[in-house]
Amino acid sequence: MSWLSRLLGGSGTGGERAAAAEPVAYEGFRIYPEPIPEDGQFRLAARIEMGEGEALKTHHMIRADLLRDRDEAVEAAIRKAQQMIDQLGARIFD
């Protein structure tokens, strides 16, 4: 099954994905690393949020990068999300 199918709710052996990492607070944003299992590796992915309730804004970041280790993928996703926040700020939600 492709990573896109799993992302959109397809079933798979994504037990690793169920154990989501804790959010990381950064510059008023929350970063939720969500590596996507794919063929024994992990695709870099994260959810970036800002605000609460009806003012909640969400951006789903999915990169082409694949890493073998889930923990490395989590750390890399956090760094990439922080870089996006530094470069775009709130424009990330446009």
Protein backbone atom coordinates (compact mmCIF):
# COMPACT_ATOMS: atom_id res chain seq x y z
CA MET A 1 0.00 0.00 0.00
CA SER A 2 1.38 3.42 -0.86
CA TRP A 3 2.21 6.05 1.75
CA LEU A 4 -0.50 8.28 0.31
CA SER A 5 -3.15 5.61 0.82
CA ARG A 6 -2.12 5.14 4.43
CA LEU A 7 -2.08 8.88 4.96
CA LEU A 8 -5.64 9.16 3.68
CA GLY A 9 -6.91 6.48 6.02
CA GLY A 10 -6.08 3.19 4.35
CA SER A 11 -5.24 0.27 6.58
CA GLY A 12 -1.75 -1.05 6.84
CA THR A 13 0.76 -2.31 9.30
CA GLY A 14 1.34 1.17 10.63
CA GLY A 15 1.53 0.22 14.30
CA GLU A 16 4.50 2.54 14.57
CA ARG A 17 2.32 5.43 13.46
CA ALA A 18 -0.20 4.83 16.23
CA ALA A 19 2.43 5.75 18.81
CA ALA A 20 2.48 9.45 18.01
CA ALA A 21 5.22 11.61 19.47
CA GLU A 22 4.41 14.39 21.91
CA PRO A 23 4.00 17.86 20.37
CA VAL A 24 6.93 20.25 20.40
CA ALA A 25 6.20 23.92 21.14
CA TYR A 26 8.12 26.31 18.88
CA GLU A 27 7.59 30.06 18.35
CA GLY A 28 3.86 29.85 19.22
CA PHE A 29 3.28 26.77 17.03
CA ARG A 30 2.85 23.11 17.99
CA ILE A 31 4.74 20.51 15.95
CA TYR A 32 3.44 16.94 15.98
CA PRO A 33 5.98 14.63 14.32
CA GLU A 34 4.08 11.91 12.40
CA PRO A 35 6.55 9.74 10.45
CA ILE A 36 4.79 7.59 7.86
CA PRO A 37 5.94 3.94 7.67
CA GLU A 38 6.84 2.99 4.12
CA ASP A 39 8.61 -0.19 2.98
CA GLY A 40 10.59 -0.61 6.21
CA GLN A 41 11.51 3.07 6.38
CA PHE A 42 9.82 6.25 7.58
CA ARG A 43 8.79 9.22 5.45
CA LEU A 44 9.31 12.61 7.12
CA ALA A 45 5.95 14.08 8.07
CA ALA A 46 4.56 16.39 10.74
CA ARG A 47 1.43 18.31 11.60
CA ILE A 48 1.98 21.98 12.46
CA GLU A 49 -0.74 23.75 14.43
CA MET A 50 -1.37 27.23 15.76
CA GLY A 51 -4.32 28.52 17.78
CA GLU A 52 -7.13 26.80 19.65
CA GLY A 53 -10.77 25.92 19.09
CA GLU A 54 -12.31 27.58 16.05
CA ALA A 55 -9.13 29.61 15.50
CA LEU A 56 -7.08 26.40 15.11
CA LYS A 57 -5.01 26.30 11.93
CA THR A 58 -3.29 23.13 10.73
CA HIS A 59 -0.64 22.42 8.11
CA HIS A 60 0.38 18.87 7.13
CA MET A 61 4.02 18.68 6.08
CA ILE A 62 5.07 15.62 4.08
CA ARG A 63 8.59 15.39 2.68
CA ALA A 64 10.15 13.00 0.17
CA ASP A 65 12.91 12.10 2.67
CA LEU A 66 12.96 8.50 3.92
CA LEU A 67 14.88 7.39 7.01
CA ARG A 68 15.37 3.89 8.39
CA ASP A 69 15.02 4.80 12.07
CA ARG A 70 11.70 6.15 13.41
CA ASP A 71 13.37 8.27 16.10
CA GLU A 72 15.65 9.86 13.50
CA ALA A 73 12.60 10.57 11.34
CA VAL A 74 10.88 12.25 14.31
CA GLU A 75 13.91 14.47 14.99
CA ALA A 76 14.34 15.34 11.30
CA ALA A 77 10.62 16.20 10.98
CA ILE A 78 10.87 18.55 13.96
CA ARG A 79 13.92 20.30 12.45
CA LYS A 80 12.21 20.65 9.02
CA ALA A 81 9.03 21.99 10.62
CA GLN A 82 11.03 24.51 12.65
CA GLN A 83 12.81 25.60 9.47
CA MET A 84 9.46 26.10 7.71
CA ILE A 85 8.16 28.13 10.65
CA ASP A 86 11.32 30.28 10.65
CA GLN A 87 10.98 30.92 6.91
CA LEU A 88 7.21 31.32 6.56
CA GLY A 89 5.75 32.04 9.99
CA ALA A 90 1.94 32.14 9.92
CA ARG A 91 2.01 32.19 6.08
CA ILE A 92 2.47 28.43 6.36
CA PHE A 93 -1.33 28.22 6.61
CA ASP A 94 -2.04 30.20 3.41
